[in-house]
Amino acid sequence: QVSEHNRLEKGLAVQIEIFGDVIEKMRTSA
């Protein structure tokens, strides 16, 4: 359901749906 152009965007959306705001904090603090 993804392409080379949107796999990151769609994956991040699902990741946030499952785990919430902690994902952005993980990405920012890495």
PDB file of all heavy atoms in Angstrom:
ATOM      1  N   GLN A   1       0.813  -1.213   0.000  1.00  0.00           N
ATOM      2  CA  GLN A   1       0.000   0.000   0.000  1.00  0.00           C
ATOM      3  C   GLN A   1       0.852   1.271   0.000  1.00  0.00           C
ATOM      4  O   GLN A   1       0.336   2.365   0.231  1.00  0.00           O
ATOM      5  CB  GLN A   1      -0.913   0.015   1.236  1.00  0.00           C
ATOM      6  CG  GLN A   1      -1.895  -1.146   1.303  1.00  0.00           C
ATOM      7  CD  GLN A   1      -2.893  -1.122   0.166  1.00  0.00           C
ATOM      8  OE1 GLN A   1      -3.535  -0.103  -0.075  1.00  0.00           O
ATOM      9  NE2 GLN A   1      -3.012  -2.237  -0.555  1.00  0.00           N
ATOM     10  N   VAL A   2       2.168   1.123  -0.243  1.00  0.00           N
ATOM     11  CA  VAL A   2       3.044   2.294  -0.239  1.00  0.00           C
ATOM     12  C   VAL A   2       3.875   2.313  -1.513  1.00  0.00           C
ATOM     13  O   VAL A   2       4.003   1.310  -2.223  1.00  0.00           O
ATOM     14  CB  VAL A   2       3.983   2.313   0.980  1.00  0.00           C
ATOM     15  CG1 VAL A   2       3.189   2.375   2.275  1.00  0.00           C
ATOM     16  CG2 VAL A   2       4.926   1.108   0.969  1.00  0.00           C
ATOM     17  N   SER A   3       4.455   3.463  -1.783  1.00  0.00           N
ATOM     18  CA  SER A   3       5.383   3.630  -2.900  1.00  0.00           C
ATOM     19  C   SER A   3       6.724   4.073  -2.339  1.00  0.00           C
ATOM     20  O   SER A   3       6.864   4.372  -1.148  1.00  0.00           O
ATOM     21  CB  SER A   3       4.848   4.681  -3.866  1.00  0.00           C
ATOM     22  OG  SER A   3       4.900   5.969  -3.262  1.00  0.00           O
ATOM     23  N   GLU A   4       7.717   4.155  -3.219  1.00  0.00           N
ATOM     24  CA  GLU A   4       9.025   4.651  -2.798  1.00  0.00           C
ATOM     25  C   GLU A   4       8.931   6.074  -2.259  1.00  0.00           C
ATOM     26  O   GLU A   4       9.727   6.478  -1.412  1.00  0.00           O
ATOM     27  CB  GLU A   4      10.000   4.620  -3.979  1.00  0.00           C
ATOM     28  CG  GLU A   4      10.526   3.241  -4.302  1.00  0.00           C
ATOM     29  CD  GLU A   4      11.335   2.657  -3.156  1.00  0.00           C
ATOM     30  OE1 GLU A   4      12.358   3.255  -2.777  1.00  0.00           O
ATOM     31  OE2 GLU A   4      10.923   1.605  -2.620  1.00  0.00           O
ATOM     32  N   HIS A   5       7.937   6.814  -2.716  1.00  0.00           N
ATOM     33  CA  HIS A   5       7.833   8.226  -2.348  1.00  0.00           C
ATOM     34  C   HIS A   5       7.090   8.460  -1.033  1.00  0.00           C
ATOM     35  O   HIS A   5       7.274   9.514  -0.405  1.00  0.00           O
ATOM     36  CB  HIS A   5       7.150   9.009  -3.472  1.00  0.00           C
ATOM     37  CG  HIS A   5       7.855   8.906  -4.784  1.00  0.00           C
ATOM     38  ND1 HIS A   5       9.092   9.460  -5.010  1.00  0.00           N
ATOM     39  CD2 HIS A   5       7.510   8.280  -5.946  1.00  0.00           C
ATOM     40  CE1 HIS A   5       9.483   9.193  -6.242  1.00  0.00           C
ATOM     41  NE2 HIS A   5       8.536   8.480  -6.835  1.00  0.00           N
ATOM     42  N   ASN A   6       6.244   7.509  -0.608  1.00  0.00           N
ATOM     43  CA  ASN A   6       5.435   7.779   0.582  1.00  0.00           C
ATOM     44  C   ASN A   6       5.587   6.748   1.695  1.00  0.00           C
ATOM     45  O   ASN A   6       4.863   6.803   2.686  1.00  0.00           O
ATOM     46  CB  ASN A   6       3.957   7.925   0.209  1.00  0.00           C
ATOM     47  CG  ASN A   6       3.357   6.647  -0.346  1.00  0.00           C
ATOM     48  OD1 ASN A   6       3.891   5.559  -0.184  1.00  0.00           O
ATOM     49  ND2 ASN A   6       2.217   6.777  -1.027  1.00  0.00           N
ATOM     50  N   ARG A   7       6.499   5.796   1.551  1.00  0.00           N
ATOM     51  CA  ARG A   7       6.628   4.741   2.561  1.00  0.00           C
ATOM     52  C   ARG A   7       7.008   5.299   3.928  1.00  0.00           C
ATOM     53  O   ARG A   7       6.510   4.823   4.961  1.00  0.00           O
ATOM     54  CB  ARG A   7       7.610   3.652   2.118  1.00  0.00           C
ATOM     55  CG  ARG A   7       8.974   4.143   1.751  1.00  0.00           C
ATOM     56  CD  ARG A   7       9.805   3.067   1.035  1.00  0.00           C
ATOM     57  NE  ARG A   7      10.278   2.043   1.941  1.00  0.00           N
ATOM     58  CZ  ARG A   7      11.454   2.110   2.569  1.00  0.00           C
ATOM     59  NH1 ARG A   7      12.251   3.169   2.426  1.00  0.00           N
ATOM     60  NH2 ARG A   7      11.832   1.123   3.360  1.00  0.00           N
ATOM     61  N   LEU A   8       7.865   6.318   3.969  1.00  0.00           N
ATOM     62  CA  LEU A   8       8.223   6.932   5.247  1.00  0.00           C
ATOM     63  C   LEU A   8       7.032   7.669   5.834  1.00  0.00           C
ATOM     64  O   LEU A   8       6.703   7.500   7.018  1.00  0.00           O
ATOM     65  CB  LEU A   8       9.408   7.876   5.074  1.00  0.00           C
ATOM     66  CG  LEU A   8       9.786   8.699   6.314  1.00  0.00           C
ATOM     67  CD1 LEU A   8      10.124   7.795   7.488  1.00  0.00           C
ATOM     68  CD2 LEU A   8      10.958   9.641   5.985  1.00  0.00           C
ATOM     69  N   GLU A   9       6.368   8.448   5.032  1.00  0.00           N
ATOM     70  CA  GLU A   9       5.215   9.226   5.507  1.00  0.00           C
ATOM     71  C   GLU A   9       4.114   8.310   6.036  1.00  0.00           C
ATOM     72  O   GLU A   9       3.576   8.524   7.131  1.00  0.00           O
ATOM     73  CB  GLU A   9       4.687  10.079   4.362  1.00  0.00           C
ATOM     74  CG  GLU A   9       3.421  10.860   4.683  1.00  0.00           C
ATOM     75  CD  GLU A   9       2.815  11.506   3.446  1.00  0.00           C
ATOM     76  OE1 GLU A   9       3.471  11.527   2.389  1.00  0.00           O
ATOM     77  OE2 GLU A   9       1.665  11.977   3.556  1.00  0.00           O
ATOM     78  N   LYS A  10       3.771   7.275   5.261  1.00  0.00           N
ATOM     79  CA  LYS A  10       2.697   6.372   5.685  1.00  0.00           C
ATOM     80  C   LYS A  10       3.117   5.510   6.868  1.00  0.00           C
ATOM     81  O   LYS A  10       2.310   5.231   7.763  1.00  0.00           O
ATOM     82  CB  LYS A  10       2.257   5.506   4.512  1.00  0.00           C
ATOM     83  CG  LYS A  10       1.478   6.266   3.449  1.00  0.00           C
ATOM     84  CD  LYS A  10       0.755   5.315   2.510  1.00  0.00           C
ATOM     85  CE  LYS A  10      -0.177   6.082   1.568  1.00  0.00           C
ATOM     86  NZ  LYS A  10      -0.970   5.166   0.722  1.00  0.00           N
ATOM     87  N   GLY A  11       4.379   5.091   6.878  1.00  0.00           N
ATOM     88  CA  GLY A  11       4.864   4.303   8.003  1.00  0.00           C
ATOM     89  C   GLY A  11       4.859   5.101   9.289  1.00  0.00           C
ATOM     90  O   GLY A  11       4.450   4.607  10.345  1.00  0.00           O
ATOM     91  N   LEU A  12       5.286   6.341   9.220  1.00  0.00           N
ATOM     92  CA  LEU A  12       5.293   7.205  10.395  1.00  0.00           C
ATOM     93  C   LEU A  12       3.875   7.439  10.899  1.00  0.00           C
ATOM     94  O   LEU A  12       3.629   7.455  12.119  1.00  0.00           O
ATOM     95  CB  LEU A  12       5.973   8.526  10.058  1.00  0.00           C
ATOM     96  CG  LEU A  12       6.154   9.531  11.191  1.00  0.00           C
ATOM     97  CD1 LEU A  12       6.939   8.913  12.339  1.00  0.00           C
ATOM     98  CD2 LEU A  12       6.858  10.791  10.671  1.00  0.00           C
ATOM     99  N   ALA A  13       2.928   7.582   9.992  1.00  0.00           N
ATOM    100  CA  ALA A  13       1.533   7.781  10.404  1.00  0.00           C
ATOM    101  C   ALA A  13       1.006   6.573  11.168  1.00  0.00           C
ATOM    102  O   ALA A  13       0.318   6.722  12.197  1.00  0.00           O
ATOM    103  CB  ALA A  13       0.665   8.055   9.175  1.00  0.00           C
ATOM    104  N   VAL A  14       1.315   5.374  10.698  1.00  0.00           N
ATOM    105  CA  VAL A  14       0.879   4.166  11.399  1.00  0.00           C
ATOM    106  C   VAL A  14       1.591   4.042  12.740  1.00  0.00           C
ATOM    107  O   VAL A  14       0.987   3.694  13.763  1.00  0.00           O
ATOM    108  CB  VAL A  14       1.141   2.913  10.539  1.00  0.00           C
ATOM    109  CG1 VAL A  14       0.874   1.643  11.344  1.00  0.00           C
ATOM    110  CG2 VAL A  14       0.279   2.932   9.295  1.00  0.00           C
ATOM    111  N   GLN A  15       2.871   4.339  12.749  1.00  0.00           N
ATOM    112  CA  GLN A  15       3.656   4.276  13.978  1.00  0.00           C
ATOM    113  C   GLN A  15       3.068   5.194  15.049  1.00  0.00           C
ATOM    114  O   GLN A  15       2.928   4.806  16.223  1.00  0.00           O
ATOM    115  CB  GLN A  15       5.094   4.672  13.656  1.00  0.00           C
ATOM    116  CG  GLN A  15       6.126   4.244  14.666  1.00  0.00           C
ATOM    117  CD  GLN A  15       7.525   4.650  14.224  1.00  0.00           C
ATOM    118  OE1 GLN A  15       7.703   5.365  13.225  1.00  0.00           O
ATOM    119  NE2 GLN A  15       8.524   4.208  14.964  1.00  0.00           N
ATOM    120  N   ILE A  16       2.697   6.398  14.652  1.00  0.00           N
ATOM    121  CA  ILE A  16       2.101   7.351  15.595  1.00  0.00           C
ATOM    122  C   ILE A  16       0.715   6.877  16.020  1.00  0.00           C
ATOM    123  O   ILE A  16       0.320   7.026  17.194  1.00  0.00           O
ATOM    124  CB  ILE A  16       2.055   8.762  14.972  1.00  0.00           C
ATOM    125  CG1 ILE A  16       3.482   9.308  14.820  1.00  0.00           C
ATOM    126  CG2 ILE A  16       1.206   9.707  15.813  1.00  0.00           C
ATOM    127  CD1 ILE A  16       3.571  10.594  14.034  1.00  0.00           C
ATOM    128  N   GLU A  17      -0.037   6.285  15.109  1.00  0.00           N
ATOM    129  CA  GLU A  17      -1.352   5.747  15.456  1.00  0.00           C
ATOM    130  C   GLU A  17      -1.233   4.683  16.548  1.00  0.00           C
ATOM    131  O   GLU A  17      -2.070   4.606  17.453  1.00  0.00           O
ATOM    132  CB  GLU A  17      -2.020   5.147  14.216  1.00  0.00           C
ATOM    133  CG  GLU A  17      -3.410   4.577  14.478  1.00  0.00           C
ATOM    134  CD  GLU A  17      -4.054   4.013  13.231  1.00  0.00           C
ATOM    135  OE1 GLU A  17      -3.493   4.153  12.133  1.00  0.00           O
ATOM    136  OE2 GLU A  17      -5.146   3.409  13.365  1.00  0.00           O
ATOM    137  N   ILE A  18      -0.187   3.872  16.473  1.00  0.00           N
ATOM    138  CA  ILE A  18      -0.012   2.789  17.448  1.00  0.00           C
ATOM    139  C   ILE A  18       0.564   3.308  18.760  1.00  0.00           C
ATOM    140  O   ILE A  18       0.087   2.960  19.839  1.00  0.00           O
ATOM    141  CB  ILE A  18       0.905   1.692  16.871  1.00  0.00           C
ATOM    142  CG1 ILE A  18       0.275   1.057  15.633  1.00  0.00           C
ATOM    143  CG2 ILE A  18       1.182   0.610  17.920  1.00  0.00           C
ATOM    144  CD1 ILE A  18       1.202   0.124  14.880  1.00  0.00           C
ATOM    145  N   PHE A  19       1.588   4.173  18.680  1.00  0.00           N
ATOM    146  CA  PHE A  19       2.351   4.520  19.883  1.00  0.00           C
ATOM    147  C   PHE A  19       2.171   5.951  20.363  1.00  0.00           C
ATOM    148  O   PHE A  19       2.600   6.289  21.465  1.00  0.00           O
ATOM    149  CB  PHE A  19       3.846   4.246  19.640  1.00  0.00           C
ATOM    150  CG  PHE A  19       4.149   2.810  19.342  1.00  0.00           C
ATOM    151  CD1 PHE A  19       4.521   2.429  18.070  1.00  0.00           C
ATOM    152  CD2 PHE A  19       4.042   1.835  20.326  1.00  0.00           C
ATOM    153  CE1 PHE A  19       4.798   1.108  17.772  1.00  0.00           C
ATOM    154  CE2 PHE A  19       4.317   0.519  20.047  1.00  0.00           C
ATOM    155  CZ  PHE A  19       4.687   0.141  18.766  1.00  0.00           C
ATOM    156  N   GLY A  20       1.584   6.815  19.544  1.00  0.00           N
ATOM    157  CA  GLY A  20       1.306   8.169  19.994  1.00  0.00           C
ATOM    158  C   GLY A  20       2.493   9.117  19.868  1.00  0.00           C
ATOM    159  O   GLY A  20       3.436   8.895  19.098  1.00  0.00           O
ATOM    160  N   ASP A  21       2.451  10.175  20.675  1.00  0.00           N
ATOM    161  CA  ASP A  21       3.413  11.273  20.571  1.00  0.00           C
ATOM    162  C   ASP A  21       4.847  10.864  20.903  1.00  0.00           C
ATOM    163  O   ASP A  21       5.791  11.579  20.556  1.00  0.00           O
ATOM    164  CB  ASP A  21       3.007  12.420  21.507  1.00  0.00           C
ATOM    165  CG  ASP A  21       1.690  13.060  21.081  1.00  0.00           C
ATOM    166  OD1 ASP A  21       1.320  12.887  19.897  1.00  0.00           O
ATOM    167  OD2 ASP A  21       1.060  13.727  21.916  1.00  0.00           O
ATOM    168  N   VAL A  22       5.024   9.729  21.568  1.00  0.00           N
ATOM    169  CA  VAL A  22       6.373   9.290  21.942  1.00  0.00           C
ATOM    170  C   VAL A  22       7.253   9.098  20.710  1.00  0.00           C
ATOM    171  O   VAL A  22       8.481   9.231  20.787  1.00  0.00           O
ATOM    172  CB  VAL A  22       6.303   7.991  22.780  1.00  0.00           C
ATOM    173  CG1 VAL A  22       5.794   6.819  21.934  1.00  0.00           C
ATOM    174  CG2 VAL A  22       7.654   7.657  23.380  1.00  0.00           C
ATOM    175  N   ILE A  23       6.653   8.813  19.570  1.00  0.00           N
ATOM    176  CA  ILE A  23       7.434   8.570  18.349  1.00  0.00           C
ATOM    177  C   ILE A  23       8.178   9.833  17.921  1.00  0.00           C
ATOM    178  O   ILE A  23       9.369   9.794  17.599  1.00  0.00           O
ATOM    179  CB  ILE A  23       6.526   8.061  17.211  1.00  0.00           C
ATOM    180  CG1 ILE A  23       5.877   6.735  17.609  1.00  0.00           C
ATOM    181  CG2 ILE A  23       7.315   7.925  15.917  1.00  0.00           C
ATOM    182  CD1 ILE A  23       6.858   5.653  17.991  1.00  0.00           C
ATOM    183  N   GLU A  24       7.491  10.964  17.912  1.00  0.00           N
ATOM    184  CA  GLU A  24       8.159  12.217  17.551  1.00  0.00           C
ATOM    185  C   GLU A  24       9.282  12.539  18.532  1.00  0.00           C
ATOM    186  O   GLU A  24      10.347  13.036  18.135  1.00  0.00           O
ATOM    187  CB  GLU A  24       7.150  13.363  17.496  1.00  0.00           C
ATOM    188  CG  GLU A  24       6.191  13.293  16.317  1.00  0.00           C
ATOM    189  CD  GLU A  24       6.880  13.507  14.973  1.00  0.00           C
ATOM    190  OE1 GLU A  24       8.106  13.789  14.947  1.00  0.00           O
ATOM    191  OE2 GLU A  24       6.197  13.382  13.940  1.00  0.00           O
ATOM    192  N   LYS A  25       9.073  12.241  19.809  1.00  0.00           N
ATOM    193  CA  LYS A  25      10.111  12.495  20.810  1.00  0.00           C
ATOM    194  C   LYS A  25      11.325  11.601  20.557  1.00  0.00           C
ATOM    195  O   LYS A  25      12.476  12.043  20.685  1.00  0.00           O
ATOM    196  CB  LYS A  25       9.553  12.258  22.204  1.00  0.00           C
ATOM    197  CG  LYS A  25       8.477  13.258  22.613  1.00  0.00           C
ATOM    198  CD  LYS A  25       7.878  12.922  23.972  1.00  0.00           C
ATOM    199  CE  LYS A  25       6.757  13.888  24.335  1.00  0.00           C
ATOM    200  NZ  LYS A  25       6.103  13.517  25.615  1.00  0.00           N
ATOM    201  N   MET A  26      11.077  10.340  20.200  1.00  0.00           N
ATOM    202  CA  MET A  26      12.174   9.427  19.893  1.00  0.00           C
ATOM    203  C   MET A  26      12.974   9.916  18.691  1.00  0.00           C
ATOM    204  O   MET A  26      14.206   9.898  18.699  1.00  0.00           O
ATOM    205  CB  MET A  26      11.620   8.023  19.600  1.00  0.00           C
ATOM    206  CG  MET A  26      11.169   7.247  20.804  1.00  0.00           C
ATOM    207  SD  MET A  26      10.346   5.696  20.331  1.00  0.00           S
ATOM    208  CE  MET A  26      11.506   4.986  19.178  1.00  0.00           C
ATOM    209  N   ARG A  27      12.254  10.358  17.672  1.00  0.00           N
ATOM    210  CA  ARG A  27      12.929  10.815  16.456  1.00  0.00           C
ATOM    211  C   ARG A  27      13.736  12.087  16.718  1.00  0.00           C
ATOM    212  O   ARG A  27      14.851  12.230  16.230  1.00  0.00           O
ATOM    213  CB  ARG A  27      11.897  11.044  15.354  1.00  0.00           C
ATOM    214  CG  ARG A  27      11.278   9.756  14.823  1.00  0.00           C
ATOM    215  CD  ARG A  27      10.071  10.041  13.930  1.00  0.00           C
ATOM    216  NE  ARG A  27      10.404  10.839  12.768  1.00  0.00           N
ATOM    217  CZ  ARG A  27      10.922  10.357  11.630  1.00  0.00           C
ATOM    218  NH1 ARG A  27      11.154   9.064  11.507  1.00  0.00           N
ATOM    219  NH2 ARG A  27      11.182  11.153  10.609  1.00  0.00           N
ATOM    220  N   THR A  28      13.178  12.968  17.512  1.00  0.00           N
ATOM    221  CA  THR A  28      13.850  14.237  17.796  1.00  0.00           C
ATOM    222  C   THR A  28      15.077  14.034  18.675  1.00  0.00           C
ATOM    223  O   THR A  28      16.114  14.680  18.485  1.00  0.00           O
ATOM    224  CB  THR A  28      12.881  15.214  18.477  1.00  0.00           C
ATOM    225  OG1 THR A  28      11.756  15.427  17.625  1.00  0.00           O
ATOM    226  CG2 THR A  28      13.559  16.545  18.775  1.00  0.00           C
ATOM    227  N   SER A  29      14.968  13.131  19.646  1.00  0.00           N
ATOM    228  CA  SER A  29      16.045  12.946  20.618  1.00  0.00           C
ATOM    229  C   SER A  29      17.141  11.995  20.157  1.00  0.00           C
ATOM    230  O   SER A  29      18.180  11.887  20.824  1.00  0.00           O
ATOM    231  CB  SER A  29      15.461  12.430  21.942  1.00  0.00           C
ATOM    232  OG  SER A  29      14.864  11.146  21.752  1.00  0.00           O
ATOM    233  N   ALA A  30      16.956  11.321  19.036  1.00  0.00           N
ATOM    234  CA  ALA A  30      17.976  10.376  18.557  1.00  0.00           C
ATOM    235  C   ALA A  30      19.260  11.123  18.207  1.00  0.00           C
ATOM    236  O   ALA A  30      19.216  12.170  17.546  1.00  0.00           O
ATOM    237  CB  ALA A  30      17.458   9.620  17.341  1.00  0.00           C
TER     238      ALA A  30
END
